[in-house]
Amino acid sequence: MFSKYLKLFAGIALIVGCVPLASAKTFITIGSGSTTGLYYPTAVGMAKIVNEAGIDVRANARSTGGSVFNDRAVGAGQLQMGISQNNVAYYAYNGSGVEAFKGNPIENLRGVAVLYPETIQILARKDSGIKTLSDIKGKRVYVGDIGSGTEQDVKNLLGAFDMSLDDLKTPVRGSAGSAVGLLRDGQIDAMFYTVGLGASAITEAAQTAPIDLVSVKSDKIEELNAKYPFYTEIKIPGGTYPGMDEDATAVTLKAMLVTSSDVSEDAIYQFMETVFSKNKKAFYNDIQNPNLKKYFTLDSALEGMSIPLHPGAAKFFKQHDISIKDSQMPPS
């Protein structure tokens, strides 16, 4: 009798062994930025695409202080992905540039893809007397959230004009959404915001306050570029925002998706194949960020990639015949 049951159990074990077990899910939290910017809807949209695809990856988006926070949190394992300015990611990986990274390089930070150009947009109330960036001295100015890429950009940009945050009457920090209200109510004179063109926060500001876009002179942008090669010139076309009909000259860089080397190659590859290849139509049309459809292509997804790629990203680009520079290859 015992032998009979032993054979039965062996048969059941054989059958169970032949049934594939459900694959373990990888959970990815994507750090974004303020809910009024473009990082947040971009992260939310990518997570939605992933979750609806039925793959072995689940994702969600988290609103954060922005680039500096995201890079640090990815390095510490608190986030599995994040959106970051490419210059901030470079500083994070190399332990330079930003005070939070000096002497503390985030060696496990890896690149996924460059998404779209970001622009340092400067808004000033019409009654503030601010016509050029030099006029911002002695004014009440929003300089970005604590730990954001915007804050670092403001420091670098003011430096090109031989100024610092100490030259402002009041450097104001917090969310961009709060800054819009302060600008509208006349509690600040101007605000900086590093974000993609067409951001809802700036559109709202233009609809609710008498404001102008402040241009940066080309020679100053060239001077900035000589010191910080990430920064280049861009024209903000007239009509981008309500009531702003003239072109403005501004400084731009790139927004990129970063991750950690601790995330598996397969998870990153599945994420990219799902978002950037199989569901590209949804990526372009369903995410509330017009810059993706206007600027993102696989051919340009490594332009401005400032840190080494994750192995899963390298696999993805190789399979899509995208050339990878030696400096962008994952460390061996």
Protein backbone atom coordinates (compact mmCIF):
# COMPACT_ATOMS: atom_id res chain seq x y z
CA MET A 1 0.00 0.00 0.00
CA PHE A 2 2.81 2.37 0.95
CA SER A 3 4.50 1.68 -2.37
CA LYS A 4 1.25 2.49 -4.17
CA TYR A 5 0.97 5.89 -2.46
CA LEU A 6 4.63 6.58 -3.05
CA LYS A 7 4.14 6.08 -6.77
CA LEU A 8 1.05 8.32 -6.68
CA PHE A 9 2.91 11.14 -4.94
CA ALA A 10 5.82 10.78 -7.34
CA GLY A 11 3.40 11.09 -10.25
CA ILE A 12 1.80 14.22 -8.78
CA ALA A 13 5.24 15.74 -8.17
CA LEU A 14 6.19 15.01 -11.76
CA ILE A 15 3.01 16.70 -13.04
CA VAL A 16 3.48 19.74 -10.77
CA GLY A 17 7.10 19.98 -11.83
CA CYS A 18 6.00 20.23 -15.44
CA VAL A 19 3.58 23.12 -14.74
CA PRO A 20 5.35 26.46 -15.17
CA LEU A 21 5.24 28.57 -12.03
CA ALA A 22 4.08 32.17 -12.27
CA SER A 23 7.00 34.50 -12.89
CA ALA A 24 7.95 36.78 -10.03
CA LYS A 25 6.97 40.39 -10.64
CA THR A 26 9.51 43.19 -10.49
CA PHE A 27 8.07 46.32 -8.88
CA ILE A 28 9.41 49.64 -10.12
CA THR A 29 8.70 53.02 -8.55
CA ILE A 30 9.54 55.91 -10.88
CA GLY A 31 10.55 59.19 -9.24
CA SER A 32 9.24 62.22 -11.12
CA GLY A 33 8.88 65.82 -9.92
CA SER A 34 6.20 68.35 -9.09
CA THR A 35 2.66 67.39 -10.17
CA THR A 36 2.49 70.66 -12.13
CA GLY A 37 5.53 69.84 -14.27
CA LEU A 38 6.06 67.30 -17.05
CA TYR A 39 8.09 64.68 -15.17
CA TYR A 40 5.02 63.57 -13.22
CA PRO A 41 2.60 62.90 -16.13
CA THR A 42 5.47 61.27 -18.04
CA ALA A 43 6.18 58.85 -15.18
CA VAL A 44 2.47 58.20 -14.62
CA GLY A 45 1.96 57.50 -18.31
CA MET A 46 4.88 55.10 -18.59
CA ALA A 47 3.72 53.22 -15.49
CA LYS A 48 0.23 52.88 -16.97
CA ILE A 49 1.60 51.46 -20.22
CA VAL A 50 3.69 48.92 -18.30
CA ASN A 51 0.84 47.85 -16.02
CA GLU A 52 -1.58 47.35 -18.89
CA ALA A 53 0.90 45.26 -20.89
CA GLY A 54 0.71 42.17 -18.67
CA ILE A 55 4.48 41.75 -18.42
CA ASP A 56 6.53 40.65 -15.41
CA VAL A 57 7.03 44.26 -14.33
CA ARG A 58 4.65 46.48 -12.34
CA ALA A 59 5.23 50.21 -12.03
CA ASN A 60 3.98 53.28 -10.25
CA ALA A 61 4.95 56.96 -10.25
CA ARG A 62 5.90 59.08 -7.25
CA SER A 63 5.94 62.88 -7.08
CA THR A 64 9.31 64.10 -5.75
CA GLY A 65 11.50 67.18 -5.47
CA GLY A 66 13.06 66.45 -8.86
CA SER A 67 16.37 65.43 -10.37
CA VAL A 68 18.73 65.59 -7.39
CA PHE A 69 16.28 63.74 -5.14
CA ASN A 70 15.57 61.11 -7.80
CA ASP A 71 19.24 60.34 -8.48
CA ARG A 72 19.98 60.01 -4.77
CA ALA A 73 16.90 57.87 -4.13
CA VAL A 74 17.70 55.55 -7.06
CA GLY A 75 21.23 55.16 -5.74
CA ALA A 76 19.92 54.33 -2.27
CA GLY A 77 17.36 51.83 -3.56
CA GLN A 78 14.37 53.92 -2.48
CA LEU A 79 13.38 54.30 -6.15
CA GLN A 80 14.06 51.87 -8.98
CA MET A 81 13.81 54.53 -11.70
CA GLY A 82 13.69 58.29 -11.92
CA ILE A 83 13.58 61.16 -14.38
CA SER A 84 16.57 63.46 -14.19
CA GLN A 85 18.24 66.26 -16.06
CA ASN A 86 21.24 64.86 -17.88
CA ASN A 87 23.64 67.29 -16.24
CA VAL A 88 22.42 66.38 -12.75
CA ALA A 89 22.77 62.66 -13.56
CA TYR A 90 26.36 63.33 -14.68
CA TYR A 91 27.11 65.16 -11.43
CA ALA A 92 25.52 62.35 -9.41
CA TYR A 93 27.49 59.58 -11.11
CA ASN A 94 30.78 61.45 -10.91
CA GLY A 95 30.33 62.94 -7.44
CA SER A 96 30.73 66.54 -8.56
CA GLY A 97 28.90 69.75 -9.44
CA VAL A 98 26.04 69.59 -6.93
CA GLU A 99 26.76 69.89 -3.21
CA ALA A 100 24.71 66.77 -2.46
CA PHE A 101 27.01 64.68 -4.68
CA LYS A 102 30.46 66.17 -4.02
CA GLY A 103 32.66 63.37 -2.75
CA ASN A 104 29.67 61.00 -2.79
CA PRO A 105 29.38 59.57 -6.32
CA ILE A 106 26.36 57.40 -7.01
CA GLU A 107 28.29 54.62 -8.70
CA ASN A 108 25.25 52.37 -9.27
CA LEU A 109 23.35 55.03 -11.25
CA ARG A 110 22.69 53.94 -14.84
CA GLY A 111 21.08 55.47 -17.91
CA VAL A 112 17.96 54.18 -19.63
CA ALA A 113 17.04 56.70 -22.35
CA VAL A 114 17.07 60.42 -23.14
CA LEU A 115 13.46 61.57 -23.41
CA TYR A 116 13.20 65.21 -24.53
CA PRO A 117 14.88 68.62 -24.22
CA GLU A 118 14.17 70.73 -21.15
CA THR A 119 14.35 74.50 -21.08
CA ILE A 120 15.26 76.90 -18.29
CA GLN A 121 12.25 79.18 -18.59
CA ILE A 122 12.29 82.53 -16.82
CA LEU A 123 8.97 84.24 -16.06
CA ALA A 124 8.71 87.79 -14.72
CA ARG A 125 5.77 89.98 -13.83
CA LYS A 126 5.32 92.84 -16.28
CA ASP A 127 5.37 95.31 -13.38
CA SER A 128 8.62 93.92 -11.91
CA GLY A 129 10.96 95.92 -14.13
CA ILE A 130 12.75 92.71 -15.15
CA LYS A 131 13.60 92.86 -18.87
CA THR A 132 16.92 90.99 -18.84
CA LEU A 133 18.44 88.47 -16.46
CA SER A 134 20.69 91.19 -15.01
CA ASP A 135 17.57 92.97 -13.76
CA ILE A 136 16.77 90.09 -11.42
CA LYS A 137 19.28 91.34 -8.85
CA GLY A 138 17.55 92.45 -5.66
CA LYS A 139 14.24 90.78 -6.59
CA ARG A 140 12.05 88.13 -4.99
CA VAL A 141 12.56 85.06 -7.16
CA TYR A 142 11.44 81.43 -7.12
CA VAL A 143 14.56 79.29 -7.71
CA GLY A 144 13.12 75.76 -7.72
CA ASP A 145 12.30 73.13 -5.16
CA ILE A 146 14.97 72.04 -2.69
CA GLY A 147 17.11 69.39 -4.35
CA SER A 148 15.70 70.04 -7.82
CA GLY A 149 17.58 70.41 -11.09
CA THR A 150 16.00 73.84 -11.46
CA GLU A 151 17.78 75.06 -8.32
CA GLN A 152 21.16 73.96 -9.67
CA ASP A 153 20.44 75.49 -13.08
CA VAL A 154 19.63 78.84 -11.45
CA LYS A 155 22.97 78.82 -9.62
CA ASN A 156 24.85 78.06 -12.84
CA LEU A 157 22.93 80.60 -14.92
CA LEU A 158 23.31 83.40 -12.38
CA GLY A 159 27.03 82.63 -12.31
CA ALA A 160 27.29 83.56 -16.00
CA PHE A 161 26.06 87.02 -14.97
CA ASP A 162 28.48 87.26 -12.04
CA MET A 163 25.62 86.78 -9.60
CA SER A 164 24.60 84.20 -7.01
CA LEU A 165 21.52 83.46 -4.95
CA ASP A 166 22.86 85.95 -2.41
CA ASP A 167 22.22 88.75 -4.93
CA LEU A 168 18.48 88.08 -4.82
CA LYS A 169 16.34 89.91 -2.29
CA THR A 170 14.56 86.65 -1.49
CA PRO A 171 15.32 83.25 -3.09
CA VAL A 172 12.02 81.37 -2.78
CA ARG A 173 11.82 77.56 -2.77
CA GLY A 174 8.97 75.06 -2.87
CA SER A 175 6.83 73.55 -5.58
CA ALA A 176 6.40 75.19 -8.98
CA GLY A 177 2.62 75.10 -8.47
CA SER A 178 2.97 77.20 -5.32
CA ALA A 179 5.31 79.58 -7.14
CA VAL A 180 2.66 80.20 -9.80
CA GLY A 181 0.29 81.40 -7.10
CA LEU A 182 2.96 83.65 -5.59
CA LEU A 183 3.73 85.15 -9.01
CA ARG A 184 0.05 85.69 -9.75
CA ASP A 185 -0.50 87.43 -6.40
CA GLY A 186 2.57 89.62 -6.73
CA GLN A 187 4.39 88.02 -3.80
CA ILE A 188 7.38 87.22 -6.02
CA ASP A 189 8.73 89.11 -9.01
CA ALA A 190 9.98 86.22 -11.13
CA MET A 191 10.41 82.47 -11.27
CA PHE A 192 12.76 79.98 -12.93
CA TYR A 193 11.46 76.64 -14.09
CA THR A 194 13.50 73.96 -15.88
CA VAL A 195 10.81 72.01 -17.73
CA GLY A 196 9.65 70.98 -21.20
CA LEU A 197 7.96 73.58 -23.37
CA GLY A 198 4.21 73.85 -22.85
CA ALA A 199 4.29 72.93 -19.14
CA SER A 200 0.90 73.34 -17.46
CA ALA A 201 2.35 75.44 -14.61
CA ILE A 202 3.62 78.09 -17.04
CA THR A 203 0.42 77.98 -19.09
CA GLU A 204 -1.53 78.57 -15.87
CA ALA A 205 0.75 81.44 -14.92
CA ALA A 206 0.28 83.05 -18.32
CA GLN A 207 -3.49 82.75 -18.00
CA THR A 208 -3.68 84.20 -14.50
CA ALA A 209 -0.93 86.83 -14.24
CA PRO A 210 0.55 89.66 -16.37
CA ILE A 211 3.88 88.00 -17.16
CA ASP A 212 6.61 87.87 -19.79
CA LEU A 213 9.27 85.34 -20.77
CA VAL A 214 12.73 86.77 -20.12
CA SER A 215 15.28 86.02 -22.86
CA VAL A 216 18.92 85.13 -22.21
CA LYS A 217 21.43 86.68 -24.60
CA SER A 218 23.20 84.29 -26.97
CA ASP A 219 26.69 85.38 -25.90
CA LYS A 220 25.86 84.51 -22.30
CA ILE A 221 24.59 81.11 -23.38
CA GLU A 222 27.86 80.53 -25.27
CA GLU A 223 29.76 81.47 -22.11
CA LEU A 224 27.62 79.07 -20.10
CA ASN A 225 28.17 76.31 -22.68
CA ALA A 226 31.94 76.72 -22.47
CA LYS A 227 31.79 75.93 -18.76
CA TYR A 228 28.85 73.50 -18.79
CA PRO A 229 28.62 71.65 -22.14
CA PHE A 230 25.14 70.34 -21.27
CA TYR A 231 23.64 73.79 -21.82
CA THR A 232 22.77 74.96 -25.34
CA GLU A 233 20.55 77.62 -26.91
CA ILE A 234 16.90 77.10 -27.85
CA LYS A 235 14.18 79.37 -29.17
CA ILE A 236 10.83 79.34 -27.38
CA PRO A 237 8.41 80.05 -30.22
CA GLY A 238 5.92 82.85 -29.79
CA GLY A 239 2.50 81.46 -28.96
CA THR A 240 3.85 78.60 -26.84
CA TYR A 241 2.01 80.21 -23.92
CA PRO A 242 -1.09 82.45 -23.86
CA GLY A 243 -0.32 86.13 -24.34
CA MET A 244 3.35 85.55 -25.17
CA ASP A 245 3.53 86.19 -28.90
CA GLU A 246 7.24 86.90 -29.39
CA ASP A 247 10.06 84.35 -29.58
CA ALA A 248 12.32 84.09 -26.54
CA THR A 249 15.91 82.84 -26.34
CA ALA A 250 16.58 80.35 -23.56
CA VAL A 251 18.96 77.69 -22.27
CA THR A 252 18.14 74.01 -22.75
CA LEU A 253 19.41 70.59 -21.68
CA LYS A 254 17.86 67.07 -21.67
CA ALA A 255 15.50 65.05 -19.50
CA MET A 256 16.50 61.40 -19.18
CA LEU A 257 15.33 58.23 -17.48
CA VAL A 258 17.73 56.69 -14.96
CA THR A 259 17.81 53.47 -12.98
CA SER A 260 20.09 51.43 -10.72
CA SER A 261 22.51 48.67 -11.65
CA ASP A 262 20.75 46.68 -8.91
CA VAL A 263 17.61 46.36 -11.08
CA SER A 264 17.74 43.24 -13.24
CA GLU A 265 18.69 43.35 -16.91
CA ASP A 266 15.47 41.58 -17.86
CA ALA A 267 13.24 44.05 -15.97
CA ILE A 268 14.78 47.09 -17.66
CA TYR A 269 14.72 45.41 -21.06
CA GLN A 270 11.03 44.46 -20.65
CA PHE A 271 10.19 47.99 -19.50
CA MET A 272 11.88 49.57 -22.52
CA GLU A 273 10.54 47.12 -25.07
CA THR A 274 7.03 47.68 -23.72
CA VAL A 275 7.13 51.48 -23.49
CA PHE A 276 9.44 52.55 -26.32
CA SER A 277 8.72 49.85 -28.91
CA LYS A 278 5.57 47.74 -28.63
CA ASN A 279 3.42 50.57 -27.25
CA LYS A 280 5.04 53.61 -28.83
CA LYS A 281 1.66 54.89 -30.06
CA ALA A 282 0.41 55.09 -26.47
CA PHE A 283 3.75 56.61 -25.39
CA TYR A 284 3.30 59.41 -27.92
CA ASN A 285 -0.44 59.98 -27.68
CA ASP A 286 -1.63 58.97 -24.20
CA ILE A 287 1.03 60.57 -22.00
CA GLN A 288 0.29 64.20 -21.18
CA ASN A 289 3.61 65.54 -22.41
CA PRO A 290 3.67 66.97 -25.96
CA ASN A 291 7.47 66.97 -26.01
CA LEU A 292 7.60 63.18 -26.27
CA LYS A 293 5.84 63.07 -29.62
CA LYS A 294 7.74 66.13 -30.85
CA TYR A 295 11.24 65.11 -29.81
CA PHE A 296 11.61 61.44 -28.80
CA THR A 297 12.88 58.84 -31.25
CA LEU A 298 15.00 55.75 -30.69
CA ASP A 299 17.65 57.32 -32.93
CA SER A 300 17.91 60.32 -30.57
CA ALA A 301 17.45 58.44 -27.30
CA LEU A 302 21.19 58.38 -26.61
CA GLU A 303 21.92 62.01 -27.56
CA GLY A 304 23.01 63.65 -24.34
CA MET A 305 23.23 60.34 -22.43
CA SER A 306 25.67 61.47 -19.77
CA ILE A 307 26.23 58.28 -17.72
CA PRO A 308 26.80 54.59 -18.58
CA LEU A 309 23.77 52.61 -19.69
CA HIS A 310 22.09 49.85 -17.73
CA PRO A 311 22.79 46.41 -19.32
CA GLY A 312 19.06 46.03 -20.06
CA ALA A 313 19.08 49.35 -21.90
CA ALA A 314 22.20 48.43 -23.85
CA LYS A 315 20.53 45.15 -24.89
CA PHE A 316 17.44 47.06 -26.02
CA PHE A 317 19.36 49.59 -28.13
CA LYS A 318 21.55 46.90 -29.71
CA GLN A 319 18.48 44.90 -30.75
CA HIS A 320 17.07 48.05 -32.36
CA ASP A 321 20.36 48.76 -34.18
CA ILE A 322 21.08 51.97 -32.27
CA SER A 323 24.79 52.79 -32.06
CA ILE A 324 26.17 53.09 -28.53
CA LYS A 325 29.28 55.14 -27.74
CA ASP A 326 32.03 53.44 -25.77
CA SER A 327 31.53 55.97 -22.95
CA GLN A 328 27.87 54.94 -22.72
CA MET A 329 28.44 51.21 -22.45
CA PRO A 330 27.73 49.56 -19.07
CA PRO A 331 30.84 49.15 -16.90
CA SER A 332 32.31 45.67 -17.16
